Amino acid sequence: MRAVIPVAGVGTRLRPHTYSLPKVLLNVAGKPILAHIMDAIIEQGITKATIITGYMRKNVESFVKERYSIEVDFVPQKESLGLGHAIWTGRDTFGDEPLMIILGDTVFDVDLKLAEKSGISSIGVKKVDDPRRFGVVVKNKEGIITKFVEKPQKFVSDLAIVGLYYIANPQLLKQSLEQIIKNDIQTSGEYQLTDALQLMLEKGERFSTFPVEGWFDCGKPETLLSTNRHLLNKLNHFPSPNGCVIVPPVFIAPDATIKCSIIGPYATVATGATVEDSIIRDTIISDGAKVSSSLLEESIIGNNAHVKGNFIKMNVGNSSEINY
C-alpha cells in the first residue's frame, strides 16, 4: 500500500508561525505534525509514500529525507487548486496497489487495517455536530456509501469525512480526477477530491466506511493546542530537573534546559529549548526557543524565539481586583 500525503498548504490560520515554517513541520507533543503521520504509517506497515509539496517544499523534503528511509516520491503542486487537484498532481506515482490518502494537517489515532477490512474502498468518518463544514457520506442500510456531498448546506448526513481515504482502485481514482480537471468540475472554486469519489461511485466503485474517533486537527492555534493535549495524555515523557515542579502530562525533550520553573500540565518543551524562572502550562515551546521570567498559558512559541517577561511588585488594598 502507498500513502499519499498532501502538505502543500500555506497554513494562513497558523501565522505568524507559518511565515518561516511549513505547517506540517510545526511541533506538537515533541515532534512535527508530519513526523506523527510518517511514524504512524511506517508502524502500520506502509512502505511507500507520495508527498504532495508546495509551500516551503524544500524544508519538507529535507526533513523527510534526513529522518526516514522508506521510498518517498515528492511531487510539487504548483497551484493551490484544491485537494482533488493536489492528489491529481501525484497521479504518475500511482500503480495498481491500494492507496491510503492522509491529509497533512491532521494527526490520527486509528488502526489503518480497519480500512482494508471490508475488501473495498473505504472512507474514514466521524459523526459531527455541524456537517456543513465538511465533506460527508450518505450510506444505505448495508453500510455502503450511496453519495458523497461536499459541505452540504442542507442536512443529508452527519458522517463527516475526516481525511483518511483507502482507495482499492487507484487507476479509477486517477481517471476520475482527470475527468474533473479536464471538464473543470469545481465546488466552491476548487477541484474537490469528494467530487472525484462521487464519479468513482457512479462508475461502479463500492465504498464502505470505517470509524475514526481519534482524529485531531492541527490547522489552527486552538486545535493545535487541543491536539497537543490529547497526545500528551498518551505520550507523557519528561525528566525531573532539580529545583523544578513538573505537573503531568508534559513532554520535555532530553536536551531541553529547565531551571527554577513549573512545567505543566499539557506543556511541550521541544529539543534544545530553555525555560527559566517561569510557569508554563497548556503551551508548546518549540525547538531552540528560550523563555524566562514568564507565565504562559494557551501559547505557542516558535522555533528559536525568545520570550522574556518581568515580575512586578504590587501594593493592593482591600476589595480590589487586578487582572494582569
C-alpha atoms as a PDB file:
ATOM      1  CA  MET A   1       0.000   0.000   0.000  1.00  0.00           C
ATOM      2  CA  ARG A   2       1.134   3.541  -0.781  1.00  0.00           C
ATOM      3  CA  ALA A   3       0.386   6.545   1.411  1.00  0.00           C
ATOM      4  CA  VAL A   4      -0.464   9.827  -0.308  1.00  0.00           C
ATOM      5  CA  ILE A   5       0.084  12.841   1.937  1.00  0.00           C
ATOM      6  CA  PRO A   6      -0.806  16.332   0.613  1.00  0.00           C
ATOM      7  CA  VAL A   7       1.161  19.008   2.502  1.00  0.00           C
ATOM      8  CA  ALA A   8       1.175  21.881   0.011  1.00  0.00           C
ATOM      9  CA  GLY A   9      -0.942  24.317   2.055  1.00  0.00           C
ATOM     10  CA  VAL A  10       0.372  27.670   3.252  1.00  0.00           C
ATOM     11  CA  GLY A  11      -1.266  27.448   6.689  1.00  0.00           C
ATOM     12  CA  THR A  12      -2.502  31.038   6.877  1.00  0.00           C
ATOM     13  CA  ARG A  13      -4.518  30.348  10.042  1.00  0.00           C
ATOM     14  CA  LEU A  14      -1.307  29.449  11.861  1.00  0.00           C
ATOM     15  CA  ARG A  15       0.557  32.657  11.122  1.00  0.00           C
ATOM     16  CA  PRO A  16       2.959  34.036  12.270  1.00  0.00           C
ATOM     17  CA  HIS A  17       4.452  30.556  12.762  1.00  0.00           C
ATOM     18  CA  THR A  18       3.984  29.591   9.116  1.00  0.00           C
ATOM     19  CA  TYR A  19       5.774  32.656   7.793  1.00  0.00           C
ATOM     20  CA  SER A  20       9.035  30.815   8.365  1.00  0.00           C
ATOM     21  CA  LEU A  21       7.993  27.156   8.609  1.00  0.00           C
ATOM     22  CA  PRO A  22       5.538  24.958   6.685  1.00  0.00           C
ATOM     23  CA  LYS A  23       2.507  23.980   8.737  1.00  0.00           C
ATOM     24  CA  VAL A  24       3.358  20.270   8.777  1.00  0.00           C
ATOM     25  CA  LEU A  25       6.689  20.959  10.492  1.00  0.00           C
ATOM     26  CA  LEU A  26       5.140  22.740  13.476  1.00  0.00           C
ATOM     27  CA  ASN A  27       5.797  20.939  16.733  1.00  0.00           C
ATOM     28  CA  VAL A  28       3.058  19.143  18.649  1.00  0.00           C
ATOM     29  CA  ALA A  29       3.794  16.854  21.611  1.00  0.00           C
ATOM     30  CA  GLY A  30       7.513  16.834  20.941  1.00  0.00           C
ATOM     31  CA  LYS A  31       7.762  16.374  17.171  1.00  0.00           C
ATOM     32  CA  PRO A  32       6.455  17.887  13.919  1.00  0.00           C
ATOM     33  CA  ILE A  33       2.939  17.078  12.691  1.00  0.00           C
ATOM     34  CA  LEU A  34       4.403  15.306   9.654  1.00  0.00           C
ATOM     35  CA  ALA A  35       6.569  13.114  11.891  1.00  0.00           C
ATOM     36  CA  HIS A  36       3.459  11.884  13.718  1.00  0.00           C
ATOM     37  CA  ILE A  37       1.952  10.913  10.344  1.00  0.00           C
ATOM     38  CA  MET A  38       5.101   9.299   8.950  1.00  0.00           C
ATOM     39  CA  ASP A  39       5.799   7.361  12.140  1.00  0.00           C
ATOM     40  CA  ALA A  40       2.211   6.070  12.182  1.00  0.00           C
ATOM     41  CA  ILE A  41       2.180   4.838   8.584  1.00  0.00           C
ATOM     42  CA  ILE A  42       5.547   3.113   8.993  1.00  0.00           C
ATOM     43  CA  GLU A  43       4.392   1.481  12.228  1.00  0.00           C
ATOM     44  CA  GLN A  44       1.336   0.171  10.372  1.00  0.00           C
ATOM     45  CA  GLY A  45       3.393  -1.377   7.594  1.00  0.00           C
ATOM     46  CA  ILE A  46       3.171   1.156   4.748  1.00  0.00           C
ATOM     47  CA  THR A  47       6.471   1.205   2.879  1.00  0.00           C
ATOM     48  CA  LYS A  48       5.881   3.774   0.103  1.00  0.00           C
ATOM     49  CA  ALA A  49       4.657   7.359   0.160  1.00  0.00           C
ATOM     50  CA  THR A  50       3.827  10.194  -2.209  1.00  0.00           C
ATOM     51  CA  ILE A  51       4.118  13.592  -0.561  1.00  0.00           C
ATOM     52  CA  ILE A  52       2.446  16.473  -2.412  1.00  0.00           C
ATOM     53  CA  THR A  53       4.521  19.555  -1.628  1.00  0.00           C
ATOM     54  CA  GLY A  54       4.055  23.256  -2.227  1.00  0.00           C
ATOM     55  CA  TYR A  55       4.778  25.998   0.292  1.00  0.00           C
ATOM     56  CA  MET A  56       8.393  25.733   1.531  1.00  0.00           C
ATOM     57  CA  ARG A  57       8.697  22.359  -0.167  1.00  0.00           C
ATOM     58  CA  LYS A  58      12.480  22.156   0.310  1.00  0.00           C
ATOM     59  CA  ASN A  59      12.018  22.260   4.093  1.00  0.00           C
ATOM     60  CA  VAL A  60       9.585  19.342   3.884  1.00  0.00           C
ATOM     61  CA  GLU A  61      11.809  17.324   1.567  1.00  0.00           C
ATOM     62  CA  SER A  62      14.899  17.889   3.723  1.00  0.00           C
ATOM     63  CA  PHE A  63      13.087  16.853   6.880  1.00  0.00           C
ATOM     64  CA  VAL A  64      11.741  13.614   5.397  1.00  0.00           C
ATOM     65  CA  LYS A  65      14.982  12.660   3.662  1.00  0.00           C
ATOM     66  CA  GLU A  66      17.041  13.219   6.794  1.00  0.00           C
ATOM     67  CA  ARG A  67      14.707  11.289   9.086  1.00  0.00           C
ATOM     68  CA  TYR A  68      13.138   8.465   7.021  1.00  0.00           C
ATOM     69  CA  SER A  69      14.449   5.719   4.782  1.00  0.00           C
ATOM     70  CA  ILE A  70      11.195   4.494   3.195  1.00  0.00           C
ATOM     71  CA  GLU A  71      10.560   5.074  -0.520  1.00  0.00           C
ATOM     72  CA  VAL A  72       9.121   8.593  -0.943  1.00  0.00           C
ATOM     73  CA  ASP A  73       8.150  10.446  -4.125  1.00  0.00           C
ATOM     74  CA  PHE A  74       7.930  14.237  -3.735  1.00  0.00           C
ATOM     75  CA  VAL A  75       5.544  15.892  -6.183  1.00  0.00           C
ATOM     76  CA  PRO A  76       5.153  19.709  -6.239  1.00  0.00           C
ATOM     77  CA  GLN A  77       1.672  21.218  -6.550  1.00  0.00           C
ATOM     78  CA  LYS A  78       2.405  24.433  -8.420  1.00  0.00           C
ATOM     79  CA  GLU A  79      -1.043  25.962  -7.867  1.00  0.00           C
ATOM     80  CA  SER A  80      -3.362  25.686  -4.872  1.00  0.00           C
ATOM     81  CA  LEU A  81      -6.487  24.497  -6.665  1.00  0.00           C
ATOM     82  CA  GLY A  82      -7.994  22.141  -4.106  1.00  0.00           C
ATOM     83  CA  LEU A  83      -7.460  18.701  -2.596  1.00  0.00           C
ATOM     84  CA  GLY A  84      -8.588  16.910  -5.750  1.00  0.00           C
ATOM     85  CA  HIS A  85      -6.014  18.838  -7.761  1.00  0.00           C
ATOM     86  CA  ALA A  86      -3.327  18.041  -5.177  1.00  0.00           C
ATOM     87  CA  ILE A  87      -3.961  14.290  -5.426  1.00  0.00           C
ATOM     88  CA  TRP A  88      -4.127  14.573  -9.244  1.00  0.00           C
ATOM     89  CA  THR A  89      -0.615  16.063  -9.317  1.00  0.00           C
ATOM     90  CA  GLY A  90       0.697  12.833  -7.780  1.00  0.00           C
ATOM     91  CA  ARG A  91      -1.104  10.566 -10.262  1.00  0.00           C
ATOM     92  CA  ASP A  92       2.057   9.377 -12.023  1.00  0.00           C
ATOM     93  CA  THR A  93       3.267   7.736  -8.814  1.00  0.00           C
ATOM     94  CA  PHE A  94       0.116   5.570  -8.539  1.00  0.00           C
ATOM     95  CA  GLY A  95       0.320   1.954  -9.653  1.00  0.00           C
ATOM     96  CA  ASP A  96      -2.233  -0.773  -9.032  1.00  0.00           C
ATOM     97  CA  GLU A  97      -1.507  -1.092  -5.315  1.00  0.00           C
ATOM     98  CA  PRO A  98      -4.098   0.414  -2.940  1.00  0.00           C
ATOM     99  CA  LEU A  99      -3.681   3.991  -1.709  1.00  0.00           C
ATOM    100  CA  MET A 100      -4.163   5.480   1.733  1.00  0.00           C
ATOM    101  CA  ILE A 101      -4.699   9.231   1.403  1.00  0.00           C
ATOM    102  CA  ILE A 102      -3.911  11.076   4.640  1.00  0.00           C
ATOM    103  CA  LEU A 103      -4.369  14.835   4.978  1.00  0.00           C
ATOM    104  CA  GLY A 104      -1.182  16.512   6.169  1.00  0.00           C
ATOM    105  CA  ASP A 105      -2.719  18.791   8.796  1.00  0.00           C
ATOM    106  CA  THR A 106      -4.285  16.037  10.898  1.00  0.00           C
ATOM    107  CA  VAL A 107      -2.964  13.530  13.402  1.00  0.00           C
ATOM    108  CA  PHE A 108      -4.862  10.261  13.595  1.00  0.00           C
ATOM    109  CA  ASP A 109      -5.144   7.507  16.171  1.00  0.00           C
ATOM    110  CA  VAL A 110      -6.707   4.573  14.348  1.00  0.00           C
ATOM    111  CA  ASP A 111      -5.700   1.131  13.115  1.00  0.00           C
ATOM    112  CA  LEU A 112      -5.470   1.587   9.338  1.00  0.00           C
ATOM    113  CA  LYS A 113      -6.168  -2.127   8.883  1.00  0.00           C
ATOM    114  CA  LEU A 114      -9.807  -1.232   9.640  1.00  0.00           C
ATOM    115  CA  ALA A 115      -9.853   0.483   6.254  1.00  0.00           C
ATOM    116  CA  GLU A 116      -8.963  -2.750   4.458  1.00  0.00           C
ATOM    117  CA  LYS A 117     -11.338  -4.955   6.425  1.00  0.00           C
ATOM    118  CA  SER A 118     -14.282  -4.673   4.014  1.00  0.00           C
ATOM    119  CA  GLY A 119     -12.166  -5.566   0.976  1.00  0.00           C
ATOM    120  CA  ILE A 120     -13.380  -2.487  -0.944  1.00  0.00           C
ATOM    121  CA  SER A 121     -12.536   1.209  -0.945  1.00  0.00           C
ATOM    122  CA  SER A 122     -13.316   2.738   2.443  1.00  0.00           C
ATOM    123  CA  ILE A 123     -13.605   6.242   3.880  1.00  0.00           C
ATOM    124  CA  GLY A 124     -12.759   7.266   7.440  1.00  0.00           C
ATOM    125  CA  VAL A 125     -15.743   9.044   9.029  1.00  0.00           C
ATOM    126  CA  LYS A 126     -16.767  10.606  12.312  1.00  0.00           C
ATOM    127  CA  LYS A 127     -20.118  11.959  13.495  1.00  0.00           C
ATOM    128  CA  VAL A 128     -20.063  15.750  13.826  1.00  0.00           C
ATOM    129  CA  ASP A 129     -22.490  18.356  15.137  1.00  0.00           C
ATOM    130  CA  ASP A 130     -22.139  20.711  12.147  1.00  0.00           C
ATOM    131  CA  PRO A 131     -21.645  18.767   8.880  1.00  0.00           C
ATOM    132  CA  ARG A 132     -21.816  21.973   6.804  1.00  0.00           C
ATOM    133  CA  ARG A 133     -18.069  22.431   7.343  1.00  0.00           C
ATOM    134  CA  PHE A 134     -17.129  19.011   5.938  1.00  0.00           C
ATOM    135  CA  GLY A 135     -17.490  16.616   3.090  1.00  0.00           C
ATOM    136  CA  VAL A 136     -19.966  13.953   4.212  1.00  0.00           C
ATOM    137  CA  VAL A 137     -21.112  10.492   3.138  1.00  0.00           C
ATOM    138  CA  VAL A 138     -24.611   9.059   2.820  1.00  0.00           C
ATOM    139  CA  LYS A 139     -24.938   5.302   3.468  1.00  0.00           C
ATOM    140  CA  ASN A 140     -27.590   2.653   2.834  1.00  0.00           C
ATOM    141  CA  LYS A 141     -28.782   0.054   5.347  1.00  0.00           C
ATOM    142  CA  GLU A 142     -25.951  -2.284   4.379  1.00  0.00           C
ATOM    143  CA  GLY A 143     -23.363   0.376   5.272  1.00  0.00           C
ATOM    144  CA  ILE A 144     -22.359   1.042   1.649  1.00  0.00           C
ATOM    145  CA  ILE A 145     -21.902   4.656   0.612  1.00  0.00           C
ATOM    146  CA  THR A 146     -24.527   5.889  -1.847  1.00  0.00           C
ATOM    147  CA  LYS A 147     -23.443   9.511  -2.148  1.00  0.00           C
ATOM    148  CA  PHE A 148     -20.619  11.944  -1.387  1.00  0.00           C
ATOM    149  CA  VAL A 149     -21.562  15.569  -0.654  1.00  0.00           C
ATOM    150  CA  GLU A 150     -19.080  18.402  -0.187  1.00  0.00           C
ATOM    151  CA  LYS A 151     -20.041  20.848   2.601  1.00  0.00           C
ATOM    152  CA  PRO A 152     -23.831  20.371   2.411  1.00  0.00           C
ATOM    153  CA  GLN A 153     -25.858  23.440   3.361  1.00  0.00           C
ATOM    154  CA  LYS A 154     -28.941  21.260   3.927  1.00  0.00           C
ATOM    155  CA  PHE A 155     -28.697  18.223   6.178  1.00  0.00           C
ATOM    156  CA  VAL A 156     -28.060  14.958   4.344  1.00  0.00           C
ATOM    157  CA  SER A 157     -25.734  13.202   6.802  1.00  0.00           C
ATOM    158  CA  ASP A 158     -23.696  13.851   9.945  1.00  0.00           C
ATOM    159  CA  LEU A 159     -20.912  11.435   8.940  1.00  0.00           C
ATOM    160  CA  ALA A 160     -18.011  13.719   8.128  1.00  0.00           C
ATOM    161  CA  ILE A 161     -15.049  12.634   6.007  1.00  0.00           C
ATOM    162  CA  VAL A 162     -12.099  13.153   8.327  1.00  0.00           C
ATOM    163  CA  GLY A 163      -9.127  12.959   5.977  1.00  0.00           C
ATOM    164  CA  LEU A 164      -8.382   9.229   5.706  1.00  0.00           C
ATOM    165  CA  TYR A 165      -9.268   7.543   2.401  1.00  0.00           C
ATOM    166  CA  TYR A 166      -8.486   3.923   1.491  1.00  0.00           C
ATOM    167  CA  ILE A 167      -8.653   3.582  -2.301  1.00  0.00           C
ATOM    168  CA  ALA A 168      -8.684  -0.013  -3.537  1.00  0.00           C
ATOM    169  CA  ASN A 169      -8.829   1.047  -7.211  1.00  0.00           C
ATOM    170  CA  PRO A 170      -6.228   3.814  -7.726  1.00  0.00           C
ATOM    171  CA  GLN A 171      -6.491   3.740 -11.525  1.00  0.00           C
ATOM    172  CA  LEU A 172     -10.204   4.564 -11.365  1.00  0.00           C
ATOM    173  CA  LEU A 173      -9.391   7.392  -8.951  1.00  0.00           C
ATOM    174  CA  LYS A 174      -6.823   8.644 -11.426  1.00  0.00           C
ATOM    175  CA  GLN A 175      -9.375   8.567 -14.277  1.00  0.00           C
ATOM    176  CA  SER A 176     -11.982  10.362 -12.167  1.00  0.00           C
ATOM    177  CA  LEU A 177      -9.527  13.069 -11.150  1.00  0.00           C
ATOM    178  CA  GLU A 178      -8.567  13.511 -14.819  1.00  0.00           C
ATOM    179  CA  GLN A 179     -12.259  13.935 -15.624  1.00  0.00           C
ATOM    180  CA  ILE A 180     -12.929  16.682 -13.080  1.00  0.00           C
ATOM    181  CA  ILE A 181      -9.780  18.569 -14.124  1.00  0.00           C
ATOM    182  CA  LYS A 182     -10.440  18.209 -17.877  1.00  0.00           C
ATOM    183  CA  ASN A 183     -14.108  19.217 -17.558  1.00  0.00           C
ATOM    184  CA  ASP A 184     -13.369  21.944 -14.990  1.00  0.00           C
ATOM    185  CA  ILE A 185     -15.717  20.437 -12.401  1.00  0.00           C
ATOM    186  CA  GLN A 186     -15.279  22.599  -9.303  1.00  0.00           C
ATOM    187  CA  THR A 187     -17.036  23.038  -5.981  1.00  0.00           C
ATOM    188  CA  SER A 188     -16.541  26.285  -4.055  1.00  0.00           C
ATOM    189  CA  GLY A 189     -13.928  27.331  -6.620  1.00  0.00           C
ATOM    190  CA  GLU A 190     -11.712  24.253  -6.185  1.00  0.00           C
ATOM    191  CA  TYR A 191     -11.222  20.773  -7.590  1.00  0.00           C
ATOM    192  CA  GLN A 192     -12.507  18.582  -4.773  1.00  0.00           C
ATOM    193  CA  LEU A 193     -11.477  15.011  -4.022  1.00  0.00           C
ATOM    194  CA  THR A 194     -15.077  14.414  -2.925  1.00  0.00           C
ATOM    195  CA  ASP A 195     -16.287  15.093  -6.490  1.00  0.00           C
ATOM    196  CA  ALA A 196     -13.818  12.548  -7.866  1.00  0.00           C
ATOM    197  CA  LEU A 197     -15.024   9.969  -5.329  1.00  0.00           C
ATOM    198  CA  GLN A 198     -18.604  10.624  -6.430  1.00  0.00           C
ATOM    199  CA  LEU A 199     -17.579   9.944 -10.037  1.00  0.00           C
ATOM    200  CA  MET A 200     -15.957   6.690  -8.935  1.00  0.00           C
ATOM    201  CA  LEU A 201     -19.205   5.764  -7.222  1.00  0.00           C
ATOM    202  CA  GLU A 202     -21.192   6.463 -10.385  1.00  0.00           C
ATOM    203  CA  LYS A 203     -18.771   4.276 -12.358  1.00  0.00           C
ATOM    204  CA  GLY A 204     -19.463   1.304 -10.102  1.00  0.00           C
ATOM    205  CA  GLU A 205     -16.840   1.546  -7.354  1.00  0.00           C
ATOM    206  CA  ARG A 206     -18.169   0.388  -3.983  1.00  0.00           C
ATOM    207  CA  PHE A 207     -17.239   2.263  -0.810  1.00  0.00           C
ATOM    208  CA  SER A 208     -17.648   1.343   2.830  1.00  0.00           C
ATOM    209  CA  THR A 209     -16.712   3.407   5.880  1.00  0.00           C
ATOM    210  CA  PHE A 210     -14.573   2.881   8.958  1.00  0.00           C
ATOM    211  CA  PRO A 211     -14.892   4.819  12.235  1.00  0.00           C
ATOM    212  CA  VAL A 212     -12.225   7.340  13.209  1.00  0.00           C
ATOM    213  CA  GLU A 213     -12.717   8.710  16.704  1.00  0.00           C
ATOM    214  CA  GLY A 214      -9.032   9.550  17.088  1.00  0.00           C
ATOM    215  CA  TRP A 215      -8.866  12.378  14.557  1.00  0.00           C
ATOM    216  CA  PHE A 216      -7.124  15.578  15.588  1.00  0.00           C
ATOM    217  CA  ASP A 217      -6.955  18.739  13.529  1.00  0.00           C
ATOM    218  CA  CYS A 218      -3.794  20.867  13.575  1.00  0.00           C
ATOM    219  CA  GLY A 219      -4.982  23.654  11.271  1.00  0.00           C
ATOM    220  CA  LYS A 220      -5.490  26.464  13.813  1.00  0.00           C
ATOM    221  CA  PRO A 221      -3.706  27.539  17.024  1.00  0.00           C
ATOM    222  CA  GLU A 222      -6.550  26.356  19.251  1.00  0.00           C
ATOM    223  CA  THR A 223      -6.797  22.954  17.534  1.00  0.00           C
ATOM    224  CA  LEU A 224      -3.010  22.544  17.539  1.00  0.00           C
ATOM    225  CA  LEU A 225      -3.041  23.047  21.311  1.00  0.00           C
ATOM    226  CA  SER A 226      -6.009  20.691  21.667  1.00  0.00           C
ATOM    227  CA  THR A 227      -4.124  18.005  19.731  1.00  0.00           C
ATOM    228  CA  ASN A 228      -1.069  18.646  21.885  1.00  0.00           C
ATOM    229  CA  ARG A 229      -3.177  17.998  24.998  1.00  0.00           C
ATOM    230  CA  HIS A 230      -4.549  14.740  23.610  1.00  0.00           C
ATOM    231  CA  LEU A 231      -1.180  13.383  22.528  1.00  0.00           C
ATOM    232  CA  LEU A 232       0.471  14.273  25.820  1.00  0.00           C
ATOM    233  CA  ASN A 233      -2.065  12.102  27.612  1.00  0.00           C
ATOM    234  CA  LYS A 234      -0.640   9.174  25.636  1.00  0.00           C
ATOM    235  CA  LEU A 235       2.992  10.207  25.096  1.00  0.00           C
ATOM    236  CA  ASN A 236       3.888  11.531  28.523  1.00  0.00           C
ATOM    237  CA  HIS A 237       7.695  11.784  28.742  1.00  0.00           C
ATOM    238  CA  PHE A 238       9.872  14.020  30.853  1.00  0.00           C
ATOM    239  CA  PRO A 239      12.993  14.222  33.029  1.00  0.00           C
ATOM    240  CA  SER A 240      12.741  15.696  36.533  1.00  0.00           C
ATOM    241  CA  PRO A 241      15.084  18.702  36.730  1.00  0.00           C
ATOM    242  CA  ASN A 242      16.232  19.736  40.203  1.00  0.00           C
ATOM    243  CA  GLY A 243      14.505  22.782  41.586  1.00  0.00           C
ATOM    244  CA  CYS A 244      11.530  22.430  39.263  1.00  0.00           C
ATOM    245  CA  VAL A 245       7.950  21.246  39.590  1.00  0.00           C
ATOM    246  CA  ILE A 246       6.580  19.022  36.823  1.00  0.00           C
ATOM    247  CA  VAL A 247       2.800  18.650  36.574  1.00  0.00           C
ATOM    248  CA  PRO A 248       1.985  15.806  34.130  1.00  0.00           C
ATOM    249  CA  PRO A 249       1.157  15.257  31.391  1.00  0.00           C
ATOM    250  CA  VAL A 250       4.047  17.010  29.705  1.00  0.00           C
ATOM    251  CA  PHE A 251       6.738  16.378  27.117  1.00  0.00           C
ATOM    252  CA  ILE A 252      10.221  17.691  27.869  1.00  0.00           C
ATOM    253  CA  ALA A 253      12.917  16.817  25.363  1.00  0.00           C
ATOM    254  CA  PRO A 254      16.018  15.156  26.868  1.00  0.00           C
ATOM    255  CA  ASP A 255      18.227  18.055  25.727  1.00  0.00           C
ATOM    256  CA  ALA A 256      15.881  20.830  26.902  1.00  0.00           C
ATOM    257  CA  THR A 257      17.050  23.000  29.820  1.00  0.00           C
ATOM    258  CA  ILE A 258      14.597  23.664  32.657  1.00  0.00           C
ATOM    259  CA  LYS A 259      15.573  25.821  35.651  1.00  0.00           C
ATOM    260  CA  CYS A 260      13.515  27.043  38.618  1.00  0.00           C
ATOM    261  CA  SER A 261      10.196  26.604  36.786  1.00  0.00           C
ATOM    262  CA  ILE A 262       6.810  24.928  36.977  1.00  0.00           C
ATOM    263  CA  ILE A 263       6.027  22.960  33.820  1.00  0.00           C
ATOM    264  CA  GLY A 264       2.569  21.571  33.060  1.00  0.00           C
ATOM    265  CA  PRO A 265       0.042  20.309  32.778  1.00  0.00           C
ATOM    266  CA  TYR A 266      -0.147  19.931  28.983  1.00  0.00           C
ATOM    267  CA  ALA A 267       3.158  21.590  28.171  1.00  0.00           C
ATOM    268  CA  THR A 268       5.583  20.629  25.409  1.00  0.00           C
ATOM    269  CA  VAL A 269       9.190  21.784  25.676  1.00  0.00           C
ATOM    270  CA  ALA A 270      10.915  20.699  22.486  1.00  0.00           C
ATOM    271  CA  THR A 271      14.504  19.857  21.668  1.00  0.00           C
ATOM    272  CA  GLY A 272      17.091  22.481  22.550  1.00  0.00           C
ATOM    273  CA  ALA A 273      14.570  24.750  24.291  1.00  0.00           C
ATOM    274  CA  THR A 274      15.308  26.594  27.541  1.00  0.00           C
ATOM    275  CA  VAL A 275      12.835  27.590  30.255  1.00  0.00           C
ATOM    276  CA  GLU A 276      13.958  29.558  33.314  1.00  0.00           C
ATOM    277  CA  ASP A 277      12.069  31.131  36.227  1.00  0.00           C
ATOM    278  CA  SER A 278       8.716  30.547  34.519  1.00  0.00           C
ATOM    279  CA  ILE A 279       5.348  28.857  34.807  1.00  0.00           C
ATOM    280  CA  ILE A 280       4.321  27.044  31.616  1.00  0.00           C
ATOM    281  CA  ARG A 281       1.025  25.232  31.063  1.00  0.00           C
ATOM    282  CA  ASP A 282      -1.093  24.270  28.044  1.00  0.00           C
ATOM    283  CA  THR A 283       1.696  25.603  25.826  1.00  0.00           C
ATOM    284  CA  ILE A 284       4.048  24.461  23.064  1.00  0.00           C
ATOM    285  CA  ILE A 285       7.618  25.738  23.262  1.00  0.00           C
ATOM    286  CA  SER A 286       9.295  24.766  20.006  1.00  0.00           C
ATOM    287  CA  ASP A 287      12.856  23.799  19.069  1.00  0.00           C
ATOM    288  CA  GLY A 288      15.557  26.105  20.374  1.00  0.00           C
ATOM    289  CA  ALA A 289      13.167  28.613  21.945  1.00  0.00           C
ATOM    290  CA  LYS A 290      14.096  30.437  25.167  1.00  0.00           C
ATOM    291  CA  VAL A 291      11.566  31.500  27.791  1.00  0.00           C
ATOM    292  CA  SER A 292      12.444  33.292  31.009  1.00  0.00           C
ATOM    293  CA  SER A 293      10.564  35.046  33.814  1.00  0.00           C
ATOM    294  CA  SER A 294       7.237  34.369  32.136  1.00  0.00           C
ATOM    295  CA  LEU A 295       3.829  32.873  32.840  1.00  0.00           C
ATOM    296  CA  LEU A 296       2.490  31.242  29.697  1.00  0.00           C
ATOM    297  CA  GLU A 297      -0.840  29.532  29.075  1.00  0.00           C
ATOM    298  CA  GLU A 298      -2.531  28.526  25.791  1.00  0.00           C
ATOM    299  CA  SER A 299       0.542  29.780  23.949  1.00  0.00           C
ATOM    300  CA  ILE A 300       2.697  28.650  21.020  1.00  0.00           C
ATOM    301  CA  ILE A 301       6.323  29.765  20.991  1.00  0.00           C
ATOM    302  CA  GLY A 302       8.044  29.220  17.653  1.00  0.00           C
ATOM    303  CA  ASN A 303      11.457  27.795  16.835  1.00  0.00           C
ATOM    304  CA  ASN A 304      14.362  29.846  18.246  1.00  0.00           C
ATOM    305  CA  ALA A 305      12.025  32.544  19.579  1.00  0.00           C
ATOM    306  CA  HIS A 306      12.958  34.409  22.781  1.00  0.00           C
ATOM    307  CA  VAL A 307      10.337  35.370  25.350  1.00  0.00           C
ATOM    308  CA  LYS A 308      11.359  37.310  28.446  1.00  0.00           C
ATOM    309  CA  GLY A 309       8.864  38.604  30.978  1.00  0.00           C
ATOM    310  CA  ASN A 310       9.068  40.716  34.096  1.00  0.00           C
ATOM    311  CA  PHE A 311       7.984  40.079  37.657  1.00  0.00           C
ATOM    312  CA  ILE A 312       6.140  43.023  39.196  1.00  0.00           C
ATOM    313  CA  LYS A 313       5.565  44.490  42.638  1.00  0.00           C
ATOM    314  CA  MET A 314       2.045  45.423  43.810  1.00  0.00           C
ATOM    315  CA  ASN A 315       0.560  47.001  46.923  1.00  0.00           C
ATOM    316  CA  VAL A 316      -3.138  46.161  46.574  1.00  0.00           C
ATOM    317  CA  GLY A 317      -5.786  47.323  49.025  1.00  0.00           C
ATOM    318  CA  ASN A 318      -8.942  45.621  50.315  1.00  0.00           C
ATOM    319  CA  SER A 319     -11.781  44.686  47.922  1.00  0.00           C
ATOM    320  CA  SER A 320      -9.574  45.246  44.869  1.00  0.00           C
ATOM    321  CA  GLU A 321      -9.467  43.226  41.652  1.00  0.00           C
ATOM    322  CA  ILE A 322      -6.386  43.151  39.441  1.00  0.00           C
ATOM    323  CA  ASN A 323      -6.233  41.443  36.037  1.00  0.00           C
ATOM    324  CA  TYR A 324      -2.680  41.494  34.763  1.00  0.00           C
END
